[in-house]
Amino acid sequence: MNKPPVYPGDPGFVYHDDEERELIEGIESADWKPLNGQALDDVRARLCEAARTTKEELATKTERMNIRMTPGDMDALKGVAAREGLPYQSLVTSILHKFISGRLVDIDEARKLLKGA
């Protein structure tokens, strides 16, 4: 079984792009020097901080949702959002959040409750 070319010098090997070629050639030419001591500790600390930040950002990342609606409903939604001073996507997100957390109230039901109080 033939393996695909993996390394420069393998027959048929092709660099992905110029950046990859420059990187590999730089490493192989010994232009790169190993880090030791404080320099290594500094780079390690920066990489750990970047990893922690990335992990936190991914934990709070939002997910996409596609929805189909009539043009009339979309225009009405955009009108309400404009009156509220919000992007319409933020308005939809807020409405859905209130609904799933049980805080979205039907105005007619609220009026009935207030009249009975």
C-alpha atoms as a PDB file:
ATOM      1  CA  MET A   1       0.000   0.000   0.000  1.00  0.00           C
ATOM      2  CA  ASN A   2       1.434   3.409  -1.009  1.00  0.00           C
ATOM      3  CA  LYS A   3       1.413   6.168   1.573  1.00  0.00           C
ATOM      4  CA  PRO A   4       0.749   9.739   0.470  1.00  0.00           C
ATOM      5  CA  PRO A   5       3.826  12.012   0.498  1.00  0.00           C
ATOM      6  CA  VAL A   6       4.151  13.556   3.942  1.00  0.00           C
ATOM      7  CA  TYR A   7       7.539  15.254   4.135  1.00  0.00           C
ATOM      8  CA  PRO A   8       9.478  17.588   1.852  1.00  0.00           C
ATOM      9  CA  GLY A   9      11.706  15.363  -0.222  1.00  0.00           C
ATOM     10  CA  ASP A  10       9.057  12.636  -0.498  1.00  0.00           C
ATOM     11  CA  PRO A  11       8.220  11.971  -4.140  1.00  0.00           C
ATOM     12  CA  GLY A  12       5.104  13.948  -5.013  1.00  0.00           C
ATOM     13  CA  PHE A  13       5.208  16.172  -1.913  1.00  0.00           C
ATOM     14  CA  VAL A  14       3.577  19.574  -2.449  1.00  0.00           C
ATOM     15  CA  TYR A  15       3.571  22.437   0.043  1.00  0.00           C
ATOM     16  CA  HIS A  16       0.110  23.579   1.081  1.00  0.00           C
ATOM     17  CA  ASP A  17       1.016  27.225   0.487  1.00  0.00           C
ATOM     18  CA  ASP A  18       3.946  29.659   0.582  1.00  0.00           C
ATOM     19  CA  GLU A  19       3.602  30.167   4.330  1.00  0.00           C
ATOM     20  CA  GLU A  20       4.014  26.429   4.952  1.00  0.00           C
ATOM     21  CA  ARG A  21       7.012  26.302   2.610  1.00  0.00           C
ATOM     22  CA  GLU A  22       8.700  29.248   4.381  1.00  0.00           C
ATOM     23  CA  LEU A  23       8.013  27.751   7.801  1.00  0.00           C
ATOM     24  CA  ILE A  24       9.403  24.307   6.940  1.00  0.00           C
ATOM     25  CA  GLU A  25      12.417  25.743   5.144  1.00  0.00           C
ATOM     26  CA  GLY A  26      13.149  28.027   8.104  1.00  0.00           C
ATOM     27  CA  ILE A  27      13.011  25.135  10.570  1.00  0.00           C
ATOM     28  CA  GLU A  28      15.152  22.883   8.406  1.00  0.00           C
ATOM     29  CA  SER A  29      17.762  25.594   7.772  1.00  0.00           C
ATOM     30  CA  ALA A  30      18.416  25.948  11.502  1.00  0.00           C
ATOM     31  CA  ASP A  31      17.299  29.594  11.481  1.00  0.00           C
ATOM     32  CA  TRP A  32      15.249  28.739  14.528  1.00  0.00           C
ATOM     33  CA  LYS A  33      16.949  28.617  17.900  1.00  0.00           C
ATOM     34  CA  PRO A  34      15.635  26.769  20.966  1.00  0.00           C
ATOM     35  CA  LEU A  35      14.317  28.856  23.851  1.00  0.00           C
ATOM     36  CA  ASN A  36      15.720  28.361  27.339  1.00  0.00           C
ATOM     37  CA  GLY A  37      15.308  29.855  30.766  1.00  0.00           C
ATOM     38  CA  GLN A  38      13.185  32.995  31.148  1.00  0.00           C
ATOM     39  CA  ALA A  39      12.461  33.282  27.411  1.00  0.00           C
ATOM     40  CA  LEU A  40      10.956  29.775  27.416  1.00  0.00           C
ATOM     41  CA  ASP A  41       8.992  30.526  30.594  1.00  0.00           C
ATOM     42  CA  ASP A  42       7.617  33.752  29.058  1.00  0.00           C
ATOM     43  CA  VAL A  43       6.458  32.020  25.869  1.00  0.00           C
ATOM     44  CA  ARG A  44       4.950  29.158  27.869  1.00  0.00           C
ATOM     45  CA  ALA A  45       3.050  31.634  30.092  1.00  0.00           C
ATOM     46  CA  ARG A  46       1.723  33.517  27.034  1.00  0.00           C
ATOM     47  CA  LEU A  47       0.582  30.277  25.402  1.00  0.00           C
ATOM     48  CA  CYS A  48      -1.138  29.094  28.594  1.00  0.00           C
ATOM     49  CA  GLU A  49      -2.934  32.445  28.893  1.00  0.00           C
ATOM     50  CA  ALA A  50      -4.019  32.256  25.254  1.00  0.00           C
ATOM     51  CA  ALA A  51      -5.332  28.719  25.790  1.00  0.00           C
ATOM     52  CA  ARG A  52      -7.250  29.786  28.921  1.00  0.00           C
ATOM     53  CA  THR A  53      -8.756  32.787  27.134  1.00  0.00           C
ATOM     54  CA  THR A  54      -9.742  30.658  24.147  1.00  0.00           C
ATOM     55  CA  LYS A  55     -11.377  28.096  26.433  1.00  0.00           C
ATOM     56  CA  GLU A  56     -13.384  30.838  28.177  1.00  0.00           C
ATOM     57  CA  GLU A  57     -14.442  32.369  24.862  1.00  0.00           C
ATOM     58  CA  LEU A  58     -15.558  29.007  23.514  1.00  0.00           C
ATOM     59  CA  ALA A  59     -17.578  28.360  26.677  1.00  0.00           C
ATOM     60  CA  THR A  60     -19.586  31.542  26.093  1.00  0.00           C
ATOM     61  CA  LYS A  61     -19.793  31.259  22.322  1.00  0.00           C
ATOM     62  CA  THR A  62     -23.236  31.570  20.825  1.00  0.00           C
ATOM     63  CA  GLU A  63     -24.713  29.171  18.323  1.00  0.00           C
ATOM     64  CA  ARG A  64     -26.353  29.953  15.010  1.00  0.00           C
ATOM     65  CA  MET A  65     -29.975  29.297  14.197  1.00  0.00           C
ATOM     66  CA  ASN A  66     -31.636  29.699  10.816  1.00  0.00           C
ATOM     67  CA  ILE A  67     -35.350  30.384  10.689  1.00  0.00           C
ATOM     68  CA  ARG A  68     -37.796  30.926   7.848  1.00  0.00           C
ATOM     69  CA  MET A  69     -40.608  33.452   8.153  1.00  0.00           C
ATOM     70  CA  THR A  70     -42.925  35.376   5.916  1.00  0.00           C
ATOM     71  CA  PRO A  71     -41.679  38.696   4.544  1.00  0.00           C
ATOM     72  CA  GLY A  72     -44.500  40.445   6.410  1.00  0.00           C
ATOM     73  CA  ASP A  73     -43.471  38.949   9.748  1.00  0.00           C
ATOM     74  CA  MET A  74     -39.852  39.824   9.041  1.00  0.00           C
ATOM     75  CA  ASP A  75     -40.746  43.438   8.263  1.00  0.00           C
ATOM     76  CA  ALA A  76     -42.857  43.651  11.432  1.00  0.00           C
ATOM     77  CA  LEU A  77     -40.022  42.142  13.486  1.00  0.00           C
ATOM     78  CA  LYS A  78     -37.537  44.645  12.078  1.00  0.00           C
ATOM     79  CA  GLY A  79     -39.982  47.468  12.826  1.00  0.00           C
ATOM     80  CA  VAL A  80     -40.364  46.427  16.470  1.00  0.00           C
ATOM     81  CA  ALA A  81     -36.595  46.043  16.787  1.00  0.00           C
ATOM     82  CA  ALA A  82     -36.049  49.516  15.322  1.00  0.00           C
ATOM     83  CA  ARG A  83     -38.508  51.035  17.819  1.00  0.00           C
ATOM     84  CA  GLU A  84     -36.674  49.256  20.633  1.00  0.00           C
ATOM     85  CA  GLY A  85     -33.306  50.403  19.288  1.00  0.00           C
ATOM     86  CA  LEU A  86     -32.035  46.848  18.838  1.00  0.00           C
ATOM     87  CA  PRO A  87     -30.779  44.783  15.958  1.00  0.00           C
ATOM     88  CA  TYR A  88     -33.588  42.385  15.067  1.00  0.00           C
ATOM     89  CA  GLN A  89     -31.381  39.355  15.807  1.00  0.00           C
ATOM     90  CA  SER A  90     -30.877  40.622  19.366  1.00  0.00           C
ATOM     91  CA  LEU A  91     -34.622  41.105  19.763  1.00  0.00           C
ATOM     92  CA  VAL A  92     -35.280  37.514  18.635  1.00  0.00           C
ATOM     93  CA  THR A  93     -32.588  36.232  21.010  1.00  0.00           C
ATOM     94  CA  SER A  94     -34.133  38.172  23.898  1.00  0.00           C
ATOM     95  CA  ILE A  95     -37.652  36.924  23.149  1.00  0.00           C
ATOM     96  CA  LEU A  96     -36.505  33.313  22.880  1.00  0.00           C
ATOM     97  CA  HIS A  97     -34.499  33.587  26.105  1.00  0.00           C
ATOM     98  CA  LYS A  98     -37.506  34.990  27.963  1.00  0.00           C
ATOM     99  CA  PHE A  99     -39.707  32.231  26.546  1.00  0.00           C
ATOM    100  CA  ILE A 100     -37.433  29.343  27.544  1.00  0.00           C
ATOM    101  CA  SER A 101     -36.817  30.828  30.992  1.00  0.00           C
ATOM    102  CA  GLY A 102     -40.567  31.251  31.613  1.00  0.00           C
ATOM    103  CA  ARG A 103     -40.499  35.054  31.690  1.00  0.00           C
ATOM    104  CA  LEU A 104     -42.307  35.773  28.425  1.00  0.00           C
ATOM    105  CA  VAL A 105     -45.809  36.921  29.330  1.00  0.00           C
ATOM    106  CA  ASP A 106     -48.902  36.937  27.137  1.00  0.00           C
ATOM    107  CA  ILE A 107     -50.227  40.517  27.344  1.00  0.00           C
ATOM    108  CA  ASP A 108     -53.895  39.434  27.317  1.00  0.00           C
ATOM    109  CA  GLU A 109     -53.313  36.978  30.155  1.00  0.00           C
ATOM    110  CA  ALA A 110     -51.415  39.626  32.105  1.00  0.00           C
ATOM    111  CA  ARG A 111     -54.329  42.084  31.701  1.00  0.00           C
ATOM    112  CA  LYS A 112     -56.817  39.473  32.937  1.00  0.00           C
ATOM    113  CA  LEU A 113     -54.668  38.825  35.979  1.00  0.00           C
ATOM    114  CA  LEU A 114     -54.312  42.527  36.709  1.00  0.00           C
ATOM    115  CA  LYS A 115     -58.076  43.143  36.401  1.00  0.00           C
ATOM    116  CA  GLY A 116     -58.755  40.293  38.802  1.00  0.00           C
ATOM    117  CA  ALA A 117     -56.302  41.583  41.414  1.00  0.00           C
END
